[in-house]
Amino acid sequence: AISRDNAKNTVYLRMNSLKSEDTAVYYCAGRWSDTGAVFPLATQYTY
């Protein structure tokens, strides 16, 4: 589950029932947006 706390300038990823295949380096990405769109492609992010 992904969530955000704008007061803390923080986004979270809650990971439950973890599996061995979840092993990885996890990266956070961000981009300016003035819509309610979600962006699933890495190329769509600036930071």
All heavy atoms as atom14 arrays in JSON, in Angstrom:
{
  "sequence": "AISRDNAKNTVYLRMNSLKSEDTAVYYCAGRWSDTGAVFPLATQYTY",
  "atom14_mask": [
    [1, 1, 1, 1, 1, 0, 0, 0, 0, 0, 0, 0, 0, 0],
    [1, 1, 1, 1, 1, 1, 1, 1, 0, 0, 0, 0, 0, 0],
    [1, 1, 1, 1, 1, 1, 0, 0, 0, 0, 0, 0, 0, 0],
    [1, 1, 1, 1, 1, 1, 1, 1, 1, 1, 1, 0, 0, 0],
    [1, 1, 1, 1, 1, 1, 1, 1, 0, 0, 0, 0, 0, 0],
    [1, 1, 1, 1, 1, 1, 1, 1, 0, 0, 0, 0, 0, 0],
    [1, 1, 1, 1, 1, 0, 0, 0, 0, 0, 0, 0, 0, 0],
    [1, 1, 1, 1, 1, 1, 1, 1, 1, 0, 0, 0, 0, 0],
    [1, 1, 1, 1, 1, 1, 1, 1, 0, 0, 0, 0, 0, 0],
    [1, 1, 1, 1, 1, 1, 1, 0, 0, 0, 0, 0, 0, 0],
    [1, 1, 1, 1, 1, 1, 1, 0, 0, 0, 0, 0, 0, 0],
    [1, 1, 1, 1, 1, 1, 1, 1, 1, 1, 1, 1, 0, 0],
    [1, 1, 1, 1, 1, 1, 1, 1, 0, 0, 0, 0, 0, 0],
    [1, 1, 1, 1, 1, 1, 1, 1, 1, 1, 1, 0, 0, 0],
    [1, 1, 1, 1, 1, 1, 1, 1, 0, 0, 0, 0, 0, 0],
    [1, 1, 1, 1, 1, 1, 1, 1, 0, 0, 0, 0, 0, 0],
    [1, 1, 1, 1, 1, 1, 0, 0, 0, 0, 0, 0, 0, 0],
    [1, 1, 1, 1, 1, 1, 1, 1, 0, 0, 0, 0, 0, 0],
    [1, 1, 1, 1, 1, 1, 1, 1, 1, 0, 0, 0, 0, 0],
    [1, 1, 1, 1, 1, 1, 0, 0, 0, 0, 0, 0, 0, 0],
    [1, 1, 1, 1, 1, 1, 1, 1, 1, 0, 0, 0, 0, 0],
    [1, 1, 1, 1, 1, 1, 1, 1, 0, 0, 0, 0, 0, 0],
    [1, 1, 1, 1, 1, 1, 1, 0, 0, 0, 0, 0, 0, 0],
    [1, 1, 1, 1, 1, 0, 0, 0, 0, 0, 0, 0, 0, 0],
    [1, 1, 1, 1, 1, 1, 1, 0, 0, 0, 0, 0, 0, 0],
    [1, 1, 1, 1, 1, 1, 1, 1, 1, 1, 1, 1, 0, 0],
    [1, 1, 1, 1, 1, 1, 1, 1, 1, 1, 1, 1, 0, 0],
    [1, 1, 1, 1, 1, 1, 0, 0, 0, 0, 0, 0, 0, 0],
    [1, 1, 1, 1, 1, 0, 0, 0, 0, 0, 0, 0, 0, 0],
    [1, 1, 1, 1, 0, 0, 0, 0, 0, 0, 0, 0, 0, 0],
    [1, 1, 1, 1, 1, 1, 1, 1, 1, 1, 1, 0, 0, 0],
    [1, 1, 1, 1, 1, 1, 1, 1, 1, 1, 1, 1, 1, 1],
    [1, 1, 1, 1, 1, 1, 0, 0, 0, 0, 0, 0, 0, 0],
    [1, 1, 1, 1, 1, 1, 1, 1, 0, 0, 0, 0, 0, 0],
    [1, 1, 1, 1, 1, 1, 1, 0, 0, 0, 0, 0, 0, 0],
    [1, 1, 1, 1, 0, 0, 0, 0, 0, 0, 0, 0, 0, 0],
    [1, 1, 1, 1, 1, 0, 0, 0, 0, 0, 0, 0, 0, 0],
    [1, 1, 1, 1, 1, 1, 1, 0, 0, 0, 0, 0, 0, 0],
    [1, 1, 1, 1, 1, 1, 1, 1, 1, 1, 1, 0, 0, 0],
    [1, 1, 1, 1, 1, 1, 1, 0, 0, 0, 0, 0, 0, 0],
    [1, 1, 1, 1, 1, 1, 1, 1, 0, 0, 0, 0, 0, 0],
    [1, 1, 1, 1, 1, 0, 0, 0, 0, 0, 0, 0, 0, 0],
    [1, 1, 1, 1, 1, 1, 1, 0, 0, 0, 0, 0, 0, 0],
    [1, 1, 1, 1, 1, 1, 1, 1, 1, 0, 0, 0, 0, 0],
    [1, 1, 1, 1, 1, 1, 1, 1, 1, 1, 1, 1, 0, 0],
    [1, 1, 1, 1, 1, 1, 1, 0, 0, 0, 0, 0, 0, 0],
    [1, 1, 1, 1, 1, 1, 1, 1, 1, 1, 1, 1, 0, 0]
  ],
  "atom14_positions": [
    [[0.84, -1.19, 0.0], [0.0, 0.0, 0.0], [0.88, 1.24, 0.0], [1.77, 1.38, 0.85], [-0.92, 0.01, 1.21], [0.0, 0.0, 0.0], [0.0, 0.0, 0.0], [0.0, 0.0, 0.0], [0.0, 0.0, 0.0], [0.0, 0.0, 0.0], [0.0, 0.0, 0.0], [0.0, 0.0, 0.0], [0.0, 0.0, 0.0], [0.0, 0.0, 0.0]],
    [[0.62, 2.12, -0.94], [1.34, 3.39, -1.02], [0.47, 4.48, -0.39], [-0.75, 4.49, -0.55], [1.72, 3.74, -2.47], [2.65, 4.94, -2.52], [0.47, 3.93, -3.34], [3.23, 5.2, -3.92], [0.0, 0.0, 0.0], [0.0, 0.0, 0.0], [0.0, 0.0, 0.0], [0.0, 0.0, 0.0], [0.0, 0.0, 0.0], [0.0, 0.0, 0.0]],
    [[1.11, 5.39, 0.33], [0.37, 6.49, 0.94], [1.31, 7.7, 1.04], [2.52, 7.58, 0.83], [-0.14, 6.1, 2.33], [0.94, 5.8, 3.2], [0.0, 0.0, 0.0], [0.0, 0.0, 0.0], [0.0, 0.0, 0.0], [0.0, 0.0, 0.0], [0.0, 0.0, 0.0], [0.0, 0.0, 0.0], [0.0, 0.0, 0.0], [0.0, 0.0, 0.0]],
    [[0.73, 8.84, 1.35], [1.55, 10.04, 1.45], [1.08, 10.89, 2.62], [-0.1, 10.88, 2.97], [1.49, 10.85, 0.16], [0.12, 11.4, -0.22], [0.14, 12.02, -1.63], [1.14, 13.08, -1.71], [1.8, 13.4, -2.81], [1.57, 12.74, -3.94], [2.68, 14.38, -2.8], [0.0, 0.0, 0.0], [0.0, 0.0, 0.0], [0.0, 0.0, 0.0]],
    [[2.03, 11.61, 3.21], [1.74, 12.56, 4.28], [2.35, 13.88, 3.84], [3.56, 14.09, 3.97], [2.34, 12.08, 5.61], [1.96, 12.97, 6.78], [1.65, 14.15, 6.56], [2.01, 12.49, 7.92], [0.0, 0.0, 0.0], [0.0, 0.0, 0.0], [0.0, 0.0, 0.0], [0.0, 0.0, 0.0], [0.0, 0.0, 0.0], [0.0, 0.0, 0.0]],
    [[1.51, 14.77, 3.33], [2.02, 16.03, 2.78], [2.61, 16.93, 3.86], [3.52, 17.72, 3.59], [0.92, 16.76, 2.02], [0.5, 16.0, 0.77], [1.29, 15.27, 0.18], [-0.75, 16.17, 0.37], [0.0, 0.0, 0.0], [0.0, 0.0, 0.0], [0.0, 0.0, 0.0], [0.0, 0.0, 0.0], [0.0, 0.0, 0.0], [0.0, 0.0, 0.0]],
    [[2.11, 16.81, 5.08], [2.66, 17.62, 6.17], [4.1, 17.25, 6.49], [4.87, 18.07, 6.98], [1.79, 17.48, 7.41], [0.0, 0.0, 0.0], [0.0, 0.0, 0.0], [0.0, 0.0, 0.0], [0.0, 0.0, 0.0], [0.0, 0.0, 0.0], [0.0, 0.0, 0.0], [0.0, 0.0, 0.0], [0.0, 0.0, 0.0], [0.0, 0.0, 0.0]],
    [[4.45, 16.0, 6.2], [5.81, 15.51, 6.47], [6.64, 15.38, 5.2], [7.77, 14.89, 5.25], [5.74, 14.16, 7.19], [5.11, 14.23, 8.57], [5.13, 12.87, 9.25], [4.54, 12.96, 10.65], [4.54, 11.64, 11.34], [0.0, 0.0, 0.0], [0.0, 0.0, 0.0], [0.0, 0.0, 0.0], [0.0, 0.0, 0.0], [0.0, 0.0, 0.0]],
    [[6.06, 15.78, 4.06], [6.78, 15.67, 2.77], [7.3, 14.25, 2.55], [8.42, 14.05, 2.07], [7.95, 16.66, 2.72], [7.51, 18.09, 2.69], [6.32, 18.38, 2.52], [8.43, 19.01, 2.85], [0.0, 0.0, 0.0], [0.0, 0.0, 0.0], [0.0, 0.0, 0.0], [0.0, 0.0, 0.0], [0.0, 0.0, 0.0], [0.0, 0.0, 0.0]],
    [[6.46, 13.27, 2.87], [6.91, 11.89, 2.85], [5.89, 10.99, 2.17], [4.68, 11.16, 2.35], [7.17, 11.4, 4.28], [8.19, 12.21, 4.89], [7.63, 9.95, 4.29], [0.0, 0.0, 0.0], [0.0, 0.0, 0.0], [0.0, 0.0, 0.0], [0.0, 0.0, 0.0], [0.0, 0.0, 0.0], [0.0, 0.0, 0.0], [0.0, 0.0, 0.0]],
    [[6.4, 10.05, 1.4], [5.58, 9.0, 0.81], [6.03, 7.67, 1.42], [7.22, 7.49, 1.7], [5.68, 8.99, -0.73], [7.1, 8.68, -1.2], [4.69, 8.0, -1.34], [0.0, 0.0, 0.0], [0.0, 0.0, 0.0], [0.0, 0.0, 0.0], [0.0, 0.0, 0.0], [0.0, 0.0, 0.0], [0.0, 0.0, 0.0], [0.0, 0.0, 0.0]],
    [[5.08, 6.79, 1.63], [5.35, 5.52, 2.28], [4.98, 4.36, 1.36], [4.13, 4.47, 0.49], [4.54, 5.39, 3.57], [4.78, 6.49, 4.57], [3.91, 7.57, 4.65], [5.87, 6.45, 5.43], [4.12, 8.58, 5.57], [6.09, 7.46, 6.35], [5.21, 8.52, 6.41], [5.43, 9.53, 7.32], [0.0, 0.0, 0.0], [0.0, 0.0, 0.0]],
    [[5.62, 3.23, 1.61], [5.24, 1.98, 0.96], [5.15, 0.93, 2.05], [6.17, 0.5, 2.59], [6.25, 1.56, -0.11], [5.85, 0.3, -0.89], [4.63, 0.59, -1.76], [7.02, -0.2, -1.75], [0.0, 0.0, 0.0], [0.0, 0.0, 0.0], [0.0, 0.0, 0.0], [0.0, 0.0, 0.0], [0.0, 0.0, 0.0], [0.0, 0.0, 0.0]],
    [[3.94, 0.55, 2.36], [3.72, -0.5, 3.34], [3.73, -1.82, 2.6], [2.95, -2.02, 1.67], [2.39, -0.31, 4.04], [2.03, -1.41, 5.05], [2.89, -1.35, 6.27], [2.5, -2.33, 7.29], [3.09, -2.45, 8.48], [4.11, -1.65, 8.8], [2.68, -3.35, 9.33], [0.0, 0.0, 0.0], [0.0, 0.0, 0.0], [0.0, 0.0, 0.0]],
    [[4.59, -2.75, 3.01], [4.74, -4.03, 2.35], [4.37, -5.13, 3.31], [5.04, -5.32, 4.34], [6.18, -4.2, 1.85], [6.64, -3.06, 0.96], [8.3, -3.3, 0.28], [9.28, -3.22, 1.77], [0.0, 0.0, 0.0], [0.0, 0.0, 0.0], [0.0, 0.0, 0.0], [0.0, 0.0, 0.0], [0.0, 0.0, 0.0], [0.0, 0.0, 0.0]],
    [[3.31, -5.84, 3.01], [2.83, -6.94, 3.85], [3.09, -8.28, 3.17], [3.27, -8.36, 1.96], [1.34, -6.79, 4.12], [1.0, -5.52, 4.88], [1.73, -5.11, 5.79], [-0.11, -4.9, 4.52], [0.0, 0.0, 0.0], [0.0, 0.0, 0.0], [0.0, 0.0, 0.0], [0.0, 0.0, 0.0], [0.0, 0.0, 0.0], [0.0, 0.0, 0.0]],
    [[3.1, -9.33, 3.97], [3.27, -10.7, 3.45], [4.44, -10.78, 2.48], [4.3, -11.28, 1.36], [1.98, -11.16, 2.76], [0.89, -11.09, 3.65], [0.0, 0.0, 0.0], [0.0, 0.0, 0.0], [0.0, 0.0, 0.0], [0.0, 0.0, 0.0], [0.0, 0.0, 0.0], [0.0, 0.0, 0.0], [0.0, 0.0, 0.0], [0.0, 0.0, 0.0]],
    [[5.57, -10.32, 2.92], [6.73, -10.26, 2.04], [7.17, -11.65, 1.59], [7.09, -12.62, 2.35], [7.88, -9.54, 2.73], [7.75, -8.01, 2.74], [8.68, -7.39, 3.76], [8.03, -7.45, 1.34], [0.0, 0.0, 0.0], [0.0, 0.0, 0.0], [0.0, 0.0, 0.0], [0.0, 0.0, 0.0], [0.0, 0.0, 0.0], [0.0, 0.0, 0.0]],
    [[7.62, -11.72, 0.35], [8.09, -12.95, -0.26], [9.55, -12.78, -0.67], [10.02, -11.66, -0.85], [7.25, -13.28, -1.49], [5.75, -13.34, -1.24], [5.01, -13.55, -2.55], [3.5, -13.58, -2.33], [2.77, -13.77, -3.61], [0.0, 0.0, 0.0], [0.0, 0.0, 0.0], [0.0, 0.0, 0.0], [0.0, 0.0, 0.0], [0.0, 0.0, 0.0]],
    [[10.22, -13.9, -0.88], [11.62, -13.83, -1.29], [11.77, -13.08, -2.61], [12.76, -12.39, -2.83], [12.22, -15.23, -1.4], [11.47, -16.01, -2.32], [0.0, 0.0, 0.0], [0.0, 0.0, 0.0], [0.0, 0.0, 0.0], [0.0, 0.0, 0.0], [0.0, 0.0, 0.0], [0.0, 0.0, 0.0], [0.0, 0.0, 0.0], [0.0, 0.0, 0.0]],
    [[10.77, -13.19, -3.47], [10.84, -12.5, -4.76], [10.66, -10.99, -4.65], [10.78, -10.27, -5.64], [9.83, -13.07, -5.75], [8.41, -13.17, -5.22], [8.09, -14.57, -4.71], [8.93, -15.16, -3.98], [6.98, -15.05, -5.03], [0.0, 0.0, 0.0], [0.0, 0.0, 0.0], [0.0, 0.0, 0.0], [0.0, 0.0, 0.0], [0.0, 0.0, 0.0]],
    [[10.36, -10.49, -3.46], [10.3, -9.05, -3.23], [11.69, -8.47, -2.95], [11.84, -7.25, -2.83], [9.38, -8.71, -2.07], [7.92, -9.06, -2.34], [7.47, -8.82, -3.49], [7.26, -9.58, -1.43], [0.0, 0.0, 0.0], [0.0, 0.0, 0.0], [0.0, 0.0, 0.0], [0.0, 0.0, 0.0], [0.0, 0.0, 0.0], [0.0, 0.0, 0.0]],
    [[12.68, -9.32, -2.83], [14.04, -8.87, -2.58], [14.53, -7.99, -3.72], [14.49, -8.39, -4.89], [14.99, -10.07, -2.4], [14.61, -10.78, -1.22], [16.43, -9.61, -2.29], [0.0, 0.0, 0.0], [0.0, 0.0, 0.0], [0.0, 0.0, 0.0], [0.0, 0.0, 0.0], [0.0, 0.0, 0.0], [0.0, 0.0, 0.0], [0.0, 0.0, 0.0]],
    [[14.95, -6.79, -3.4], [15.39, -5.83, -4.42], [15.85, -4.55, -3.75], [15.66, -4.37, -2.54], [14.25, -5.51, -5.38], [0.0, 0.0, 0.0], [0.0, 0.0, 0.0], [0.0, 0.0, 0.0], [0.0, 0.0, 0.0], [0.0, 0.0, 0.0], [0.0, 0.0, 0.0], [0.0, 0.0, 0.0], [0.0, 0.0, 0.0], [0.0, 0.0, 0.0]],
    [[16.45, -3.69, -4.55], [16.67, -2.32, -4.11], [15.42, -1.53, -4.49], [15.0, -1.58, -5.65], [17.92, -1.71, -4.76], [18.07, -0.25, -4.33], [19.16, -2.5, -4.39], [0.0, 0.0, 0.0], [0.0, 0.0, 0.0], [0.0, 0.0, 0.0], [0.0, 0.0, 0.0], [0.0, 0.0, 0.0], [0.0, 0.0, 0.0], [0.0, 0.0, 0.0]],
    [[14.86, -0.83, -3.54], [13.63, -0.07, -3.76], [13.96, 1.41, -3.91], [14.66, 1.99, -3.08], [12.66, -0.29, -2.61], [11.96, -1.62, -2.69], [12.65, -2.8, -2.43], [10.62, -1.71, -3.06], [12.02, -4.03, -2.53], [9.98, -2.94, -3.16], [10.7, -4.09, -2.89], [10.07, -5.31, -3.0], [0.0, 0.0, 0.0], [0.0, 0.0, 0.0]],
    [[13.45, 2.0, -4.98], [13.71, 3.4, -5.3], [12.43, 4.21, -5.24], [11.37, 3.78, -5.72], [14.3, 3.54, -6.7], [15.64, 2.88, -6.88], [15.74, 1.57, -7.33], [16.81, 3.59, -6.61], [16.98, 0.97, -7.5], [18.05, 3.0, -6.79], [18.12, 1.68, -7.22], [19.35, 1.1, -7.4], [0.0, 0.0, 0.0], [0.0, 0.0, 0.0]],
    [[12.55, 5.39, -4.7], [11.48, 6.37, -4.68], [11.69, 7.34, -5.84], [12.83, 7.7, -6.16], [11.53, 7.1, -3.35], [10.44, 8.51, -3.19], [0.0, 0.0, 0.0], [0.0, 0.0, 0.0], [0.0, 0.0, 0.0], [0.0, 0.0, 0.0], [0.0, 0.0, 0.0], [0.0, 0.0, 0.0], [0.0, 0.0, 0.0], [0.0, 0.0, 0.0]],
    [[10.59, 7.74, -6.49], [10.68, 8.67, -7.61], [9.59, 9.73, -7.49], [8.52, 9.46, -6.93], [10.54, 7.93, -8.94], [0.0, 0.0, 0.0], [0.0, 0.0, 0.0], [0.0, 0.0, 0.0], [0.0, 0.0, 0.0], [0.0, 0.0, 0.0], [0.0, 0.0, 0.0], [0.0, 0.0, 0.0], [0.0, 0.0, 0.0], [0.0, 0.0, 0.0]],
    [[9.85, 10.91, -8.03], [8.88, 11.99, -7.96], [8.89, 12.86, -9.19], [9.88, 12.96, -9.91], [0.0, 0.0, 0.0], [0.0, 0.0, 0.0], [0.0, 0.0, 0.0], [0.0, 0.0, 0.0], [0.0, 0.0, 0.0], [0.0, 0.0, 0.0], [0.0, 0.0, 0.0], [0.0, 0.0, 0.0], [0.0, 0.0, 0.0], [0.0, 0.0, 0.0]],
    [[7.74, 13.51, -9.46], [7.61, 14.44, -10.56], [6.48, 15.42, -10.24], [5.53, 15.08, -9.56], [7.3, 13.72, -11.87], [6.03, 12.9, -11.84], [5.55, 12.56, -13.23], [4.98, 13.75, -13.9], [4.85, 13.86, -15.2], [5.25, 12.88, -15.99], [4.31, 14.94, -15.71], [0.0, 0.0, 0.0], [0.0, 0.0, 0.0], [0.0, 0.0, 0.0]],
    [[6.62, 16.63, -10.77], [5.6, 17.64, -10.62], [4.36, 17.21, -11.39], [4.46, 16.69, -12.49], [6.09, 18.98, -11.14], [5.05, 20.05, -11.1], [4.16, 20.38, -12.08], [4.78, 20.93, -10.0], [3.36, 21.41, -11.66], [3.71, 21.77, -10.4], [5.34, 21.1, -8.74], [3.21, 22.75, -9.56], [4.84, 22.08, -7.91], [3.78, 22.89, -8.32]],
    [[3.18, 17.46, -10.8], [1.94, 17.11, -11.48], [0.82, 18.02, -11.01], [0.69, 18.27, -9.8], [1.59, 15.64, -11.19], [0.32, 15.32, -11.74], [0.0, 0.0, 0.0], [0.0, 0.0, 0.0], [0.0, 0.0, 0.0], [0.0, 0.0, 0.0], [0.0, 0.0, 0.0], [0.0, 0.0, 0.0], [0.0, 0.0, 0.0], [0.0, 0.0, 0.0]],
    [[0.01, 18.47, -11.96], [-1.14, 19.29, -11.6], [-2.45, 18.57, -11.92], [-3.5, 19.2, -12.07], [-1.08, 20.65, -12.29], [-1.03, 20.53, -13.81], [-1.05, 19.38, -14.32], [-0.95, 21.56, -14.49], [0.0, 0.0, 0.0], [0.0, 0.0, 0.0], [0.0, 0.0, 0.0], [0.0, 0.0, 0.0], [0.0, 0.0, 0.0], [0.0, 0.0, 0.0]],
    [[-2.35, 17.23, -12.0], [-3.53, 16.42, -12.25], [-3.57, 15.28, -11.25], [-2.67, 15.11, -10.44], [-3.53, 15.84, -13.67], [-2.53, 14.82, -13.75], [-3.24, 16.92, -14.71], [0.0, 0.0, 0.0], [0.0, 0.0, 0.0], [0.0, 0.0, 0.0], [0.0, 0.0, 0.0], [0.0, 0.0, 0.0], [0.0, 0.0, 0.0], [0.0, 0.0, 0.0]],
    [[-4.6, 14.47, -11.35], [-4.74, 13.3, -10.49], [-4.18, 12.05, -11.13], [-4.51, 10.93, -10.72], [0.0, 0.0, 0.0], [0.0, 0.0, 0.0], [0.0, 0.0, 0.0], [0.0, 0.0, 0.0], [0.0, 0.0, 0.0], [0.0, 0.0, 0.0], [0.0, 0.0, 0.0], [0.0, 0.0, 0.0], [0.0, 0.0, 0.0], [0.0, 0.0, 0.0]],
    [[-3.29, 12.22, -12.11], [-2.74, 11.07, -12.8], [-1.71, 10.35, -11.94], [-1.03, 10.96, -11.12], [-2.1, 11.51, -14.12], [0.0, 0.0, 0.0], [0.0, 0.0, 0.0], [0.0, 0.0, 0.0], [0.0, 0.0, 0.0], [0.0, 0.0, 0.0], [0.0, 0.0, 0.0], [0.0, 0.0, 0.0], [0.0, 0.0, 0.0], [0.0, 0.0, 0.0]],
    [[-1.61, 9.05, -12.17], [-0.53, 8.25, -11.59], [0.39, 7.84, -12.74], [-0.06, 7.68, -13.87], [-1.06, 7.01, -10.83], [-1.8, 7.45, -9.59], [-1.95, 6.17, -11.72], [0.0, 0.0, 0.0], [0.0, 0.0, 0.0], [0.0, 0.0, 0.0], [0.0, 0.0, 0.0], [0.0, 0.0, 0.0], [0.0, 0.0, 0.0], [0.0, 0.0, 0.0]],
    [[1.64, 7.66, -12.43], [2.64, 7.44, -13.47], [3.39, 6.13, -13.21], [4.19, 6.05, -12.28], [3.61, 8.61, -13.5], [2.93, 9.92, -13.76], [2.54, 10.74, -12.71], [2.66, 10.32, -15.06], [1.9, 11.95, -12.96], [2.02, 11.52, -15.31], [1.63, 12.33, -14.26], [0.0, 0.0, 0.0], [0.0, 0.0, 0.0], [0.0, 0.0, 0.0]],
    [[3.15, 5.1, -14.01], [3.76, 3.79, -13.78], [5.09, 3.54, -14.5], [5.7, 2.5, -14.3], [2.7, 2.84, -14.32], [2.08, 3.61, -15.44], [2.1, 5.04, -15.02], [0.0, 0.0, 0.0], [0.0, 0.0, 0.0], [0.0, 0.0, 0.0], [0.0, 0.0, 0.0], [0.0, 0.0, 0.0], [0.0, 0.0, 0.0], [0.0, 0.0, 0.0]],
    [[5.53, 4.51, -15.3], [6.77, 4.32, -16.05], [7.91, 5.11, -15.42], [7.76, 6.28, -15.08], [6.58, 4.76, -17.51], [5.49, 4.06, -18.3], [5.4, 4.63, -19.7], [5.73, 2.55, -18.35], [0.0, 0.0, 0.0], [0.0, 0.0, 0.0], [0.0, 0.0, 0.0], [0.0, 0.0, 0.0], [0.0, 0.0, 0.0], [0.0, 0.0, 0.0]],
    [[9.07, 4.48, -15.35], [10.23, 5.14, -14.77], [10.61, 6.39, -15.54], [11.07, 7.37, -14.96], [11.41, 4.16, -14.71], [0.0, 0.0, 0.0], [0.0, 0.0, 0.0], [0.0, 0.0, 0.0], [0.0, 0.0, 0.0], [0.0, 0.0, 0.0], [0.0, 0.0, 0.0], [0.0, 0.0, 0.0], [0.0, 0.0, 0.0], [0.0, 0.0, 0.0]],
    [[10.41, 6.36, -16.84], [10.78, 7.5, -17.68], [9.93, 8.73, -17.43], [10.24, 9.82, -17.88], [10.7, 7.13, -19.16], [9.39, 6.6, -19.43], [11.75, 6.09, -19.52], [0.0, 0.0, 0.0], [0.0, 0.0, 0.0], [0.0, 0.0, 0.0], [0.0, 0.0, 0.0], [0.0, 0.0, 0.0], [0.0, 0.0, 0.0], [0.0, 0.0, 0.0]],
    [[8.82, 8.56, -16.72], [7.92, 9.67, -16.44], [8.33, 10.49, -15.21], [7.73, 11.51, -14.94], [6.49, 9.15, -16.22], [5.88, 8.53, -17.47], [4.54, 7.86, -17.19], [4.42, 7.05, -16.28], [3.54, 8.22, -17.98], [0.0, 0.0, 0.0], [0.0, 0.0, 0.0], [0.0, 0.0, 0.0], [0.0, 0.0, 0.0], [0.0, 0.0, 0.0]],
    [[9.37, 10.06, -14.52], [9.78, 10.72, -13.3], [11.03, 11.56, -13.49], [11.92, 11.21, -14.26], [9.99, 9.7, -12.18], [8.69, 9.11, -11.71], [8.16, 7.98, -12.31], [7.97, 9.72, -10.69], [6.95, 7.45, -11.89], [6.76, 9.2, -10.26], [6.25, 8.06, -10.87], [5.05, 7.56, -10.46], [0.0, 0.0, 0.0], [0.0, 0.0, 0.0]],
    [[11.08, 12.65, -12.74], [12.19, 13.58, -12.83], [13.26, 13.35, -11.76], [14.44, 13.5, -12.02], [11.66, 15.03, -12.67], [10.57, 15.24, -13.56], [12.75, 16.05, -12.94], [0.0, 0.0, 0.0], [0.0, 0.0, 0.0], [0.0, 0.0, 0.0], [0.0, 0.0, 0.0], [0.0, 0.0, 0.0], [0.0, 0.0, 0.0], [0.0, 0.0, 0.0]],
    [[12.8, 13.01, -10.58], [13.7, 12.9, -9.44], [13.7, 11.47, -8.9], [12.65, 10.81, -8.85], [13.29, 13.88, -8.34], [13.21, 15.3, -8.82], [11.98, 15.9, -9.05], [14.37, 16.03, -9.06], [11.91, 17.21, -9.5], [14.31, 17.34, -9.5], [13.07, 17.92, -9.73], [13.01, 19.21, -10.19], [0.0, 0.0, 0.0], [0.0, 0.0, 0.0]]
  ]
}
